[in-house]
Amino acid sequence: MVRLEEVPDEEILRQQRASTAAAAAADDDDWEEEDDSDAESDFSDDSEVSERGLALKEETVWERISALRDIIPPSTRRSIASTFNTTTSYAFTGGLLLGKLGWVVTTSALLVGLPFALAVEDESRIVAQEKEMMAQQQGAQHMLAPAGASGAPAQGQQAGQYQPQAQAPQGLRPPGF
C-alpha cells in the first residue's frame, strides 16, 4: 500500500518567515514615539488620518455609529428604541390594511363594475342599431310615398294642425324597456 505525505516546501517557509520578520520590524517602528513634526503631518493629510498606527479609513460607518452608543444615556436609548418600534409597527399595520383595502376595491371593481360597464355598452349599441333601423325605414317610406303626398298637406288638413302619423314598427325591444 502506498502512503501519501505532504512535505512542506522549504523555500515557501523561508519566505513566510522573512515576511513576518519584516512586518514585525515595521510594527516596532510604528510604536516608537513620534516627534511633533510627524504628528502634524499625519493630521494635515486628509486622505489618510491615523491614530497610533491604525488607519481610520478601515473603520466602517456602522462601527463609528455603534461606538457612539455609549454617549447616549440608556433611558434615551430606550425611548428612541420604543418610538422606532411603535412607528414601524404602525407603518407595517397601515401598509397591511391598505393592501387589503386595495385588494377588496380591485376585486369588487372587476366583479361588479366590469359586467356593469359591458351591459351599458351593449345597451348603447342596441339603441344605436334601433335608431339606425328606424332611419332606414323612414327613408324607405319617403322613397315609396307618392310625390304629392310628401310635399303638400292632404285635403282637409291645415298646415298648423298636428296629425298623428301611422305607427312605424319600432324593432326589437329587450325585456324591461
N, C-alpha and C. Protein backbone atom coordinates (compact mmCIF):
# COMPACT_ATOMS: atom_id res chain seq x y z
N MET A 1 0.84 -1.17 0.00
CA MET A 1 0.00 0.00 0.00
C MET A 1 0.89 1.24 0.00
N VAL A 2 0.39 2.24 -0.72
CA VAL A 2 1.17 3.47 -0.86
C VAL A 2 0.59 4.53 0.05
N ARG A 3 1.45 5.18 0.77
CA ARG A 3 1.02 6.25 1.67
C ARG A 3 1.54 7.58 1.13
N LEU A 4 0.62 8.54 1.06
CA LEU A 4 0.99 9.87 0.56
C LEU A 4 1.19 10.80 1.74
N GLU A 5 2.28 11.51 1.72
CA GLU A 5 2.57 12.51 2.76
C GLU A 5 2.85 13.83 2.10
N GLU A 6 2.36 14.88 2.75
CA GLU A 6 2.62 16.21 2.23
C GLU A 6 3.88 16.74 2.88
N VAL A 7 4.80 17.14 2.04
CA VAL A 7 6.07 17.65 2.52
C VAL A 7 6.08 19.16 2.27
N PRO A 8 6.28 19.96 3.32
CA PRO A 8 6.28 21.41 3.14
C PRO A 8 7.50 21.85 2.33
N ASP A 9 7.25 22.86 1.50
CA ASP A 9 8.33 23.40 0.68
C ASP A 9 9.16 24.34 1.55
N GLU A 10 10.45 24.07 1.62
CA GLU A 10 11.32 24.86 2.50
C GLU A 10 11.47 26.29 2.01
N GLU A 11 11.43 26.53 0.71
CA GLU A 11 11.58 27.89 0.17
C GLU A 11 10.37 28.75 0.57
N ILE A 12 9.19 28.19 0.51
CA ILE A 12 7.99 28.94 0.90
C ILE A 12 8.03 29.27 2.38
N LEU A 13 8.47 28.32 3.20
CA LEU A 13 8.58 28.59 4.64
C LEU A 13 9.58 29.70 4.92
N ARG A 14 10.71 29.75 4.22
CA ARG A 14 11.70 30.82 4.41
C ARG A 14 11.10 32.18 4.04
N GLN A 15 10.34 32.22 2.94
CA GLN A 15 9.74 33.49 2.51
C GLN A 15 8.71 33.97 3.54
N GLN A 16 7.94 33.05 4.09
CA GLN A 16 6.95 33.44 5.09
C GLN A 16 7.62 33.96 6.36
N ARG A 17 8.69 33.32 6.76
CA ARG A 17 9.41 33.79 7.95
C ARG A 17 10.00 35.17 7.71
N ALA A 18 10.55 35.38 6.52
CA ALA A 18 11.14 36.68 6.21
C ALA A 18 10.07 37.77 6.18
N SER A 19 8.92 37.47 5.62
CA SER A 19 7.88 38.50 5.55
C SER A 19 7.31 38.81 6.94
N THR A 20 7.17 37.81 7.81
CA THR A 20 6.68 38.09 9.16
C THR A 20 7.71 38.86 9.97
N ALA A 21 8.97 38.59 9.74
CA ALA A 21 10.02 39.34 10.44
C ALA A 21 10.02 40.80 9.99
N ALA A 22 9.84 41.03 8.69
CA ALA A 22 9.81 42.40 8.18
C ALA A 22 8.58 43.14 8.71
N ALA A 23 7.46 42.44 8.81
CA ALA A 23 6.24 43.05 9.33
C ALA A 23 6.40 43.38 10.81
N ALA A 24 7.05 42.51 11.57
CA ALA A 24 7.27 42.77 12.99
C ALA A 24 8.20 43.97 13.16
N ALA A 25 9.21 44.09 12.32
CA ALA A 25 10.11 45.24 12.39
C ALA A 25 9.36 46.52 12.05
N ALA A 26 8.46 46.46 11.08
CA ALA A 26 7.69 47.64 10.72
C ALA A 26 6.72 48.01 11.84
N ASP A 27 6.14 47.02 12.52
CA ASP A 27 5.25 47.30 13.64
C ASP A 27 5.99 47.94 14.79
N ASP A 28 7.23 47.53 15.02
CA ASP A 28 8.03 48.13 16.09
C ASP A 28 8.28 49.60 15.81
N ASP A 29 8.48 49.95 14.54
CA ASP A 29 8.72 51.35 14.20
C ASP A 29 7.48 52.20 14.44
N ASP A 30 6.28 51.63 14.27
CA ASP A 30 5.06 52.39 14.45
C ASP A 30 4.85 52.78 15.90
N TRP A 31 5.33 51.98 16.83
CA TRP A 31 5.08 52.23 18.23
C TRP A 31 6.11 53.16 18.87
N GLU A 32 7.11 53.52 18.12
CA GLU A 32 8.08 54.47 18.67
C GLU A 32 7.44 55.83 18.80
N GLU A 33 7.94 56.59 19.74
CA GLU A 33 7.38 57.92 19.94
C GLU A 33 7.69 58.80 18.75
N GLU A 34 6.67 59.53 18.33
CA GLU A 34 6.84 60.42 17.19
C GLU A 34 7.09 61.82 17.70
N ASP A 35 7.87 62.56 16.97
CA ASP A 35 8.05 63.95 17.36
C ASP A 35 6.90 64.78 16.79
N ASP A 36 6.79 66.05 17.20
CA ASP A 36 5.64 66.88 16.86
C ASP A 36 5.51 67.13 15.37
N SER A 37 6.60 67.19 14.63
CA SER A 37 6.51 67.47 13.20
C SER A 37 5.81 66.31 12.47
N ASP A 38 6.06 65.05 12.91
CA ASP A 38 5.41 63.90 12.28
C ASP A 38 3.92 63.86 12.61
N ALA A 39 3.55 64.25 13.83
CA ALA A 39 2.14 64.23 14.24
C ALA A 39 1.34 65.25 13.42
N GLU A 40 1.93 66.41 13.18
CA GLU A 40 1.23 67.41 12.40
C GLU A 40 1.07 66.97 10.95
N SER A 41 2.06 66.28 10.42
CA SER A 41 1.97 65.84 9.02
C SER A 41 0.91 64.76 8.87
N ASP A 42 0.70 63.92 9.93
CA ASP A 42 -0.34 62.90 9.83
C ASP A 42 -1.73 63.53 9.74
N PHE A 43 -1.98 64.59 10.49
CA PHE A 43 -3.29 65.19 10.51
C PHE A 43 -3.48 66.21 9.40
N SER A 44 -2.40 66.65 8.77
CA SER A 44 -2.54 67.61 7.69
C SER A 44 -2.99 66.92 6.41
N ASP A 45 -2.75 65.63 6.29
CA ASP A 45 -3.16 64.90 5.10
C ASP A 45 -4.58 64.37 5.33
N ASP A 46 -5.56 64.86 4.55
CA ASP A 46 -6.96 64.46 4.73
C ASP A 46 -7.24 63.07 4.19
N SER A 47 -6.42 62.60 3.25
CA SER A 47 -6.72 61.31 2.64
C SER A 47 -6.49 60.14 3.58
N GLU A 48 -5.57 60.29 4.53
CA GLU A 48 -5.30 59.19 5.46
C GLU A 48 -5.01 59.74 6.85
N VAL A 49 -5.95 59.56 7.73
CA VAL A 49 -5.78 60.00 9.11
C VAL A 49 -5.44 58.77 9.92
N SER A 50 -4.42 58.86 10.72
CA SER A 50 -4.06 57.68 11.51
C SER A 50 -4.03 58.04 12.98
N GLU A 51 -4.28 57.02 13.78
CA GLU A 51 -4.27 57.22 15.21
C GLU A 51 -3.53 56.02 15.81
N ARG A 52 -2.33 56.27 16.31
CA ARG A 52 -1.49 55.23 16.90
C ARG A 52 -1.26 54.08 15.93
N GLY A 53 -1.07 54.41 14.66
CA GLY A 53 -0.73 53.40 13.68
C GLY A 53 -1.92 52.70 13.07
N LEU A 54 -3.13 52.93 13.57
CA LEU A 54 -4.31 52.29 12.98
C LEU A 54 -4.98 53.27 12.03
N ALA A 55 -5.21 52.85 10.83
CA ALA A 55 -5.85 53.73 9.85
C ALA A 55 -7.34 53.78 10.13
N LEU A 56 -7.89 54.99 10.21
CA LEU A 56 -9.32 55.15 10.47
C LEU A 56 -10.15 54.88 9.21
N LYS A 57 -9.51 54.86 8.05
CA LYS A 57 -10.25 54.58 6.82
C LYS A 57 -10.79 53.15 6.82
N GLU A 58 -10.19 52.26 7.58
CA GLU A 58 -10.63 50.87 7.63
C GLU A 58 -11.88 50.71 8.48
N GLU A 59 -12.23 51.71 9.27
CA GLU A 59 -13.40 51.64 10.13
C GLU A 59 -14.64 51.98 9.32
N THR A 60 -15.67 51.16 9.46
CA THR A 60 -16.91 51.39 8.70
C THR A 60 -17.79 52.39 9.42
N VAL A 61 -18.78 52.88 8.70
CA VAL A 61 -19.72 53.85 9.27
C VAL A 61 -20.51 53.20 10.40
N TRP A 62 -20.91 51.95 10.22
CA TRP A 62 -21.67 51.25 11.25
C TRP A 62 -20.85 51.12 12.54
N GLU A 63 -19.57 50.86 12.41
CA GLU A 63 -18.71 50.76 13.60
C GLU A 63 -18.62 52.11 14.30
N ARG A 64 -18.55 53.18 13.54
CA ARG A 64 -18.50 54.50 14.16
C ARG A 64 -19.80 54.83 14.89
N ILE A 65 -20.92 54.49 14.27
CA ILE A 65 -22.22 54.77 14.90
C ILE A 65 -22.39 53.91 16.15
N SER A 66 -21.99 52.65 16.08
CA SER A 66 -22.14 51.79 17.27
C SER A 66 -21.22 52.25 18.40
N ALA A 67 -20.10 52.89 18.06
CA ALA A 67 -19.22 53.42 19.10
C ALA A 67 -19.86 54.61 19.81
N LEU A 68 -20.75 55.31 19.14
CA LEU A 68 -21.42 56.46 19.75
C LEU A 68 -22.52 56.03 20.71
N ARG A 69 -22.84 54.75 20.74
CA ARG A 69 -23.91 54.24 21.59
C ARG A 69 -23.69 54.58 23.06
N ASP A 70 -22.45 54.56 23.49
CA ASP A 70 -22.15 54.81 24.90
C ASP A 70 -22.35 56.28 25.29
N ILE A 71 -22.39 57.17 24.33
CA ILE A 71 -22.56 58.59 24.62
C ILE A 71 -24.01 58.87 25.03
N ILE A 72 -24.97 58.17 24.42
CA ILE A 72 -26.39 58.40 24.69
C ILE A 72 -26.79 57.63 25.94
N PRO A 73 -27.46 58.28 26.89
CA PRO A 73 -27.86 57.60 28.13
C PRO A 73 -28.85 56.45 27.85
N PRO A 74 -28.85 55.42 28.70
CA PRO A 74 -29.74 54.27 28.48
C PRO A 74 -31.22 54.63 28.41
N SER A 75 -31.67 55.59 29.23
CA SER A 75 -33.09 55.96 29.19
C SER A 75 -33.46 56.57 27.84
N THR A 76 -32.57 57.39 27.29
CA THR A 76 -32.83 57.99 25.98
C THR A 76 -32.81 56.92 24.90
N ARG A 77 -31.87 55.96 25.01
CA ARG A 77 -31.82 54.87 24.04
C ARG A 77 -33.10 54.05 24.07
N ARG A 78 -33.61 53.78 25.29
CA ARG A 78 -34.87 53.03 25.39
C ARG A 78 -36.02 53.81 24.77
N SER A 79 -36.05 55.11 25.01
CA SER A 79 -37.11 55.95 24.44
C SER A 79 -37.05 55.95 22.92
N ILE A 80 -35.85 56.08 22.37
CA ILE A 80 -35.68 56.09 20.91
C ILE A 80 -36.08 54.73 20.33
N ALA A 81 -35.65 53.66 20.98
CA ALA A 81 -35.99 52.31 20.50
C ALA A 81 -37.49 52.08 20.57
N SER A 82 -38.13 52.52 21.64
CA SER A 82 -39.58 52.36 21.78
C SER A 82 -40.32 53.14 20.70
N THR A 83 -39.91 54.37 20.46
CA THR A 83 -40.53 55.19 19.42
C THR A 83 -40.35 54.55 18.05
N PHE A 84 -39.16 54.07 17.77
CA PHE A 84 -38.88 53.42 16.49
C PHE A 84 -39.73 52.17 16.31
N ASN A 85 -39.81 51.35 17.36
CA ASN A 85 -40.60 50.11 17.27
C ASN A 85 -42.08 50.42 17.08
N THR A 86 -42.60 51.42 17.80
CA THR A 86 -44.00 51.80 17.66
C THR A 86 -44.28 52.31 16.25
N THR A 87 -43.41 53.15 15.74
CA THR A 87 -43.58 53.72 14.40
C THR A 87 -43.56 52.62 13.35
N THR A 88 -42.61 51.72 13.44
CA THR A 88 -42.54 50.64 12.44
C THR A 88 -43.74 49.72 12.55
N SER A 89 -44.22 49.50 13.76
CA SER A 89 -45.41 48.66 13.94
C SER A 89 -46.63 49.31 13.28
N TYR A 90 -46.84 50.61 13.52
CA TYR A 90 -47.96 51.31 12.89
C TYR A 90 -47.81 51.34 11.37
N ALA A 91 -46.60 51.56 10.88
CA ALA A 91 -46.38 51.60 9.43
C ALA A 91 -46.67 50.23 8.81
N PHE A 92 -46.23 49.17 9.45
CA PHE A 92 -46.48 47.82 8.94
C PHE A 92 -47.97 47.51 8.94
N THR A 93 -48.66 47.84 10.03
CA THR A 93 -50.10 47.58 10.12
C THR A 93 -50.86 48.42 9.09
N GLY A 94 -50.48 49.68 8.93
CA GLY A 94 -51.12 50.54 7.94
C GLY A 94 -50.91 50.03 6.53
N GLY A 95 -49.71 49.59 6.23
CA GLY A 95 -49.44 49.03 4.90
C GLY A 95 -50.24 47.77 4.65
N LEU A 96 -50.36 46.94 5.69
CA LEU A 96 -51.14 45.71 5.57
C LEU A 96 -52.62 46.03 5.31
N LEU A 97 -53.17 46.99 6.07
CA LEU A 97 -54.57 47.38 5.87
C LEU A 97 -54.79 48.03 4.51
N LEU A 98 -53.87 48.87 4.06
CA LEU A 98 -54.01 49.49 2.74
C LEU A 98 -53.95 48.44 1.64
N GLY A 99 -53.10 47.45 1.80
CA GLY A 99 -53.03 46.38 0.82
C GLY A 99 -54.32 45.59 0.74
N LYS A 100 -54.88 45.27 1.90
CA LYS A 100 -56.15 44.54 1.91
C LYS A 100 -57.28 45.39 1.31
N LEU A 101 -57.32 46.68 1.64
CA LEU A 101 -58.33 47.57 1.10
C LEU A 101 -58.20 47.66 -0.43
N GLY A 102 -56.98 47.77 -0.90
CA GLY A 102 -56.74 47.81 -2.34
C GLY A 102 -57.21 46.54 -3.02
N TRP A 103 -56.98 45.40 -2.38
CA TRP A 103 -57.43 44.13 -2.93
C TRP A 103 -58.95 44.07 -3.02
N VAL A 104 -59.64 44.50 -1.96
CA VAL A 104 -61.10 44.48 -1.95
C VAL A 104 -61.66 45.41 -3.03
N VAL A 105 -61.11 46.61 -3.14
CA VAL A 105 -61.61 47.56 -4.13
C VAL A 105 -61.37 47.04 -5.54
N THR A 106 -60.20 46.49 -5.80
CA THR A 106 -59.88 46.00 -7.14
C THR A 106 -60.76 44.83 -7.53
N THR A 107 -60.89 43.85 -6.65
CA THR A 107 -61.71 42.69 -6.99
C THR A 107 -63.18 43.07 -7.11
N SER A 108 -63.66 44.00 -6.28
CA SER A 108 -65.05 44.45 -6.39
C SER A 108 -65.27 45.15 -7.72
N ALA A 109 -64.34 45.98 -8.11
CA ALA A 109 -64.47 46.68 -9.39
C ALA A 109 -64.49 45.69 -10.55
N LEU A 110 -63.69 44.65 -10.46
CA LEU A 110 -63.66 43.66 -11.54
C LEU A 110 -64.92 42.81 -11.55
N LEU A 111 -65.42 42.44 -10.38
CA LEU A 111 -66.58 41.55 -10.32
C LEU A 111 -67.90 42.27 -10.52
N VAL A 112 -67.99 43.55 -10.16
CA VAL A 112 -69.24 44.29 -10.28
C VAL A 112 -69.16 45.33 -11.39
N GLY A 113 -68.14 46.10 -11.40
CA GLY A 113 -68.03 47.21 -12.35
C GLY A 113 -67.83 46.78 -13.78
N LEU A 114 -67.04 45.77 -14.03
CA LEU A 114 -66.77 45.33 -15.40
C LEU A 114 -68.02 44.79 -16.07
N PRO A 115 -68.77 43.88 -15.45
CA PRO A 115 -70.02 43.44 -16.09
C PRO A 115 -71.01 44.59 -16.29
N PHE A 116 -71.08 45.51 -15.34
CA PHE A 116 -71.99 46.66 -15.49
C PHE A 116 -71.58 47.51 -16.69
N ALA A 117 -70.29 47.78 -16.83
CA ALA A 117 -69.81 48.58 -17.96
C ALA A 117 -70.10 47.87 -19.28
N LEU A 118 -69.92 46.56 -19.32
CA LEU A 118 -70.21 45.81 -20.55
C LEU A 118 -71.70 45.85 -20.87
N ALA A 119 -72.58 45.76 -19.85
CA ALA A 119 -74.01 45.83 -20.07
C ALA A 119 -74.42 47.20 -20.59
N VAL A 120 -73.86 48.27 -20.05
CA VAL A 120 -74.17 49.62 -20.52
C VAL A 120 -73.72 49.80 -21.96
N GLU A 121 -72.56 49.28 -22.29
CA GLU A 121 -72.06 49.37 -23.66
C GLU A 121 -72.95 48.59 -24.62
N ASP A 122 -73.39 47.41 -24.21
CA ASP A 122 -74.30 46.61 -25.02
C ASP A 122 -75.61 47.37 -25.27
N GLU A 123 -76.16 47.97 -24.22
CA GLU A 123 -77.41 48.70 -24.33
C GLU A 123 -77.27 49.88 -25.28
N SER A 124 -76.17 50.61 -25.18
CA SER A 124 -75.98 51.75 -26.08
C SER A 124 -75.82 51.29 -27.53
N ARG A 125 -75.20 50.15 -27.74
CA ARG A 125 -75.07 49.59 -29.09
C ARG A 125 -76.44 49.20 -29.64
N ILE A 126 -77.29 48.60 -28.83
CA ILE A 126 -78.63 48.20 -29.25
C ILE A 126 -79.47 49.43 -29.59
N VAL A 127 -79.40 50.48 -28.76
CA VAL A 127 -80.14 51.72 -29.01
C VAL A 127 -79.68 52.35 -30.33
N ALA A 128 -78.38 52.35 -30.58
CA ALA A 128 -77.86 52.91 -31.83
C ALA A 128 -78.35 52.10 -33.03
N GLN A 129 -78.42 50.78 -32.92
CA GLN A 129 -78.93 49.95 -34.00
C GLN A 129 -80.41 50.22 -34.26
N GLU A 130 -81.18 50.40 -33.19
CA GLU A 130 -82.60 50.69 -33.35
C GLU A 130 -82.81 52.02 -34.05
N LYS A 131 -82.03 53.03 -33.67
CA LYS A 131 -82.15 54.34 -34.33
C LYS A 131 -81.79 54.23 -35.81
N GLU A 132 -80.78 53.47 -36.11
CA GLU A 132 -80.35 53.29 -37.50
C GLU A 132 -81.44 52.57 -38.30
N MET A 133 -82.05 51.55 -37.70
CA MET A 133 -83.13 50.82 -38.38
C MET A 133 -84.33 51.74 -38.63
N MET A 134 -84.67 52.58 -37.65
CA MET A 134 -85.80 53.49 -37.82
C MET A 134 -85.52 54.50 -38.93
N ALA A 135 -84.28 55.00 -38.97
CA ALA A 135 -83.91 55.95 -40.01
C ALA A 135 -83.99 55.30 -41.38
N GLN A 136 -83.57 54.06 -41.48
CA GLN A 136 -83.66 53.36 -42.75
C GLN A 136 -85.11 53.14 -43.15
N GLN A 137 -85.97 52.79 -42.20
CA GLN A 137 -87.38 52.56 -42.51
C GLN A 137 -88.05 53.85 -42.93
N GLN A 138 -87.76 54.96 -42.27
CA GLN A 138 -88.36 56.23 -42.64
C GLN A 138 -87.87 56.68 -44.01
N GLY A 139 -86.60 56.44 -44.30
CA GLY A 139 -86.07 56.78 -45.63
C GLY A 139 -86.75 55.95 -46.70
N ALA A 140 -87.01 54.68 -46.43
CA ALA A 140 -87.69 53.82 -47.40
C ALA A 140 -89.13 54.27 -47.59
N GLN A 141 -89.82 54.71 -46.55
CA GLN A 141 -91.20 55.18 -46.66
C GLN A 141 -91.28 56.44 -47.49
N HIS A 142 -90.32 57.35 -47.33
CA HIS A 142 -90.32 58.59 -48.11
C HIS A 142 -90.07 58.29 -49.57
N MET A 143 -89.26 57.29 -49.84
CA MET A 143 -88.98 56.95 -51.23
C MET A 143 -90.18 56.26 -51.88
N LEU A 144 -90.95 55.49 -51.14
CA LEU A 144 -92.09 54.77 -51.68
C LEU A 144 -93.35 55.62 -51.77
N ALA A 145 -93.43 56.70 -50.98
CA ALA A 145 -94.63 57.54 -50.95
C ALA A 145 -94.77 58.29 -52.28
N PRO A 146 -96.03 58.57 -52.72
CA PRO A 146 -96.20 59.33 -53.97
C PRO A 146 -95.67 60.76 -53.81
N ALA A 147 -95.32 61.37 -54.89
CA ALA A 147 -94.67 62.68 -54.88
C ALA A 147 -95.57 63.75 -54.29
N GLY A 148 -96.85 63.72 -54.51
CA GLY A 148 -97.75 64.74 -53.99
C GLY A 148 -97.99 64.61 -52.51
N ALA A 149 -97.88 63.46 -51.97
CA ALA A 149 -98.21 63.25 -50.57
C ALA A 149 -97.13 63.80 -49.65
N SER A 150 -95.92 63.81 -50.09
CA SER A 150 -94.86 64.26 -49.19
C SER A 150 -94.73 65.76 -49.16
N GLY A 151 -95.08 66.46 -50.25
CA GLY A 151 -94.82 67.89 -50.31
C GLY A 151 -95.96 68.73 -49.78
N ALA A 152 -97.23 68.50 -50.20
CA ALA A 152 -98.36 69.36 -49.84
C ALA A 152 -99.25 68.65 -48.84
N PRO A 153 -99.90 69.42 -47.93
CA PRO A 153 -100.80 68.79 -46.97
C PRO A 153 -102.02 68.22 -47.71
N ALA A 154 -102.50 67.15 -47.18
CA ALA A 154 -103.67 66.49 -47.79
C ALA A 154 -104.91 67.34 -47.60
N GLN A 155 -106.01 67.02 -48.31
CA GLN A 155 -107.23 67.81 -48.22
C GLN A 155 -107.80 67.72 -46.81
N GLY A 156 -108.28 68.82 -46.32
CA GLY A 156 -108.89 68.88 -45.01
C GLY A 156 -107.85 69.05 -43.89
N GLN A 157 -106.61 69.13 -44.24
CA GLN A 157 -105.58 69.34 -43.21
C GLN A 157 -105.05 70.75 -43.31
N GLN A 158 -104.90 71.39 -42.22
CA GLN A 158 -104.29 72.72 -42.21
C GLN A 158 -102.82 72.57 -41.85
N ALA A 159 -102.06 73.56 -42.22
CA ALA A 159 -100.62 73.47 -42.03
C ALA A 159 -100.23 73.48 -40.56
N GLY A 160 -101.00 74.11 -39.70
CA GLY A 160 -100.62 74.24 -38.29
C GLY A 160 -101.12 73.13 -37.41
N GLN A 161 -101.96 72.25 -37.89
CA GLN A 161 -102.52 71.21 -37.06
C GLN A 161 -101.58 70.01 -36.97
N TYR A 162 -101.66 69.35 -35.82
CA TYR A 162 -100.87 68.13 -35.62
C TYR A 162 -101.66 66.95 -36.14
N GLN A 163 -101.03 66.16 -36.95
CA GLN A 163 -101.66 64.96 -37.48
C GLN A 163 -100.85 63.76 -37.03
N PRO A 164 -101.48 62.82 -36.33
CA PRO A 164 -100.72 61.64 -35.93
C PRO A 164 -100.35 60.83 -37.15
N GLN A 165 -99.15 60.39 -37.16
CA GLN A 165 -98.67 59.58 -38.28
C GLN A 165 -98.94 58.13 -37.97
N ALA A 166 -98.83 57.34 -38.97
CA ALA A 166 -99.03 55.90 -38.78
C ALA A 166 -97.90 55.36 -37.91
N GLN A 167 -98.23 54.40 -37.08
CA GLN A 167 -97.23 53.81 -36.19
C GLN A 167 -96.19 53.04 -37.00
N ALA A 168 -94.95 53.46 -36.86
CA ALA A 168 -93.86 52.75 -37.53
C ALA A 168 -93.40 51.62 -36.63
N PRO A 169 -93.04 50.50 -37.17
CA PRO A 169 -92.54 49.43 -36.32
C PRO A 169 -91.27 49.88 -35.59
N GLN A 170 -91.18 49.54 -34.37
CA GLN A 170 -90.07 50.02 -33.55
C GLN A 170 -88.95 49.00 -33.41
N GLY A 171 -88.99 47.92 -34.06
CA GLY A 171 -87.90 46.95 -33.97
C GLY A 171 -88.03 46.09 -32.73
N LEU A 172 -86.99 45.41 -32.38
CA LEU A 172 -86.98 44.53 -31.22
C LEU A 172 -86.72 45.34 -29.96
N ARG A 173 -87.48 45.03 -28.95
CA ARG A 173 -87.24 45.66 -27.66
C ARG A 173 -86.81 44.60 -26.67
N PRO A 174 -85.71 44.87 -25.94
CA PRO A 174 -85.32 43.93 -24.90
C PRO A 174 -86.34 43.96 -23.77
N PRO A 175 -86.49 42.87 -23.04
CA PRO A 175 -87.45 42.86 -21.94
C PRO A 175 -87.11 43.90 -20.89
N GLY A 176 -88.14 44.56 -20.39
CA GLY A 176 -87.94 45.55 -19.34
C GLY A 176 -87.80 46.96 -19.86
N PHE A 177 -87.88 47.18 -21.17
CA PHE A 177 -87.72 48.55 -21.70
C PHE A 177 -88.99 48.99 -22.37
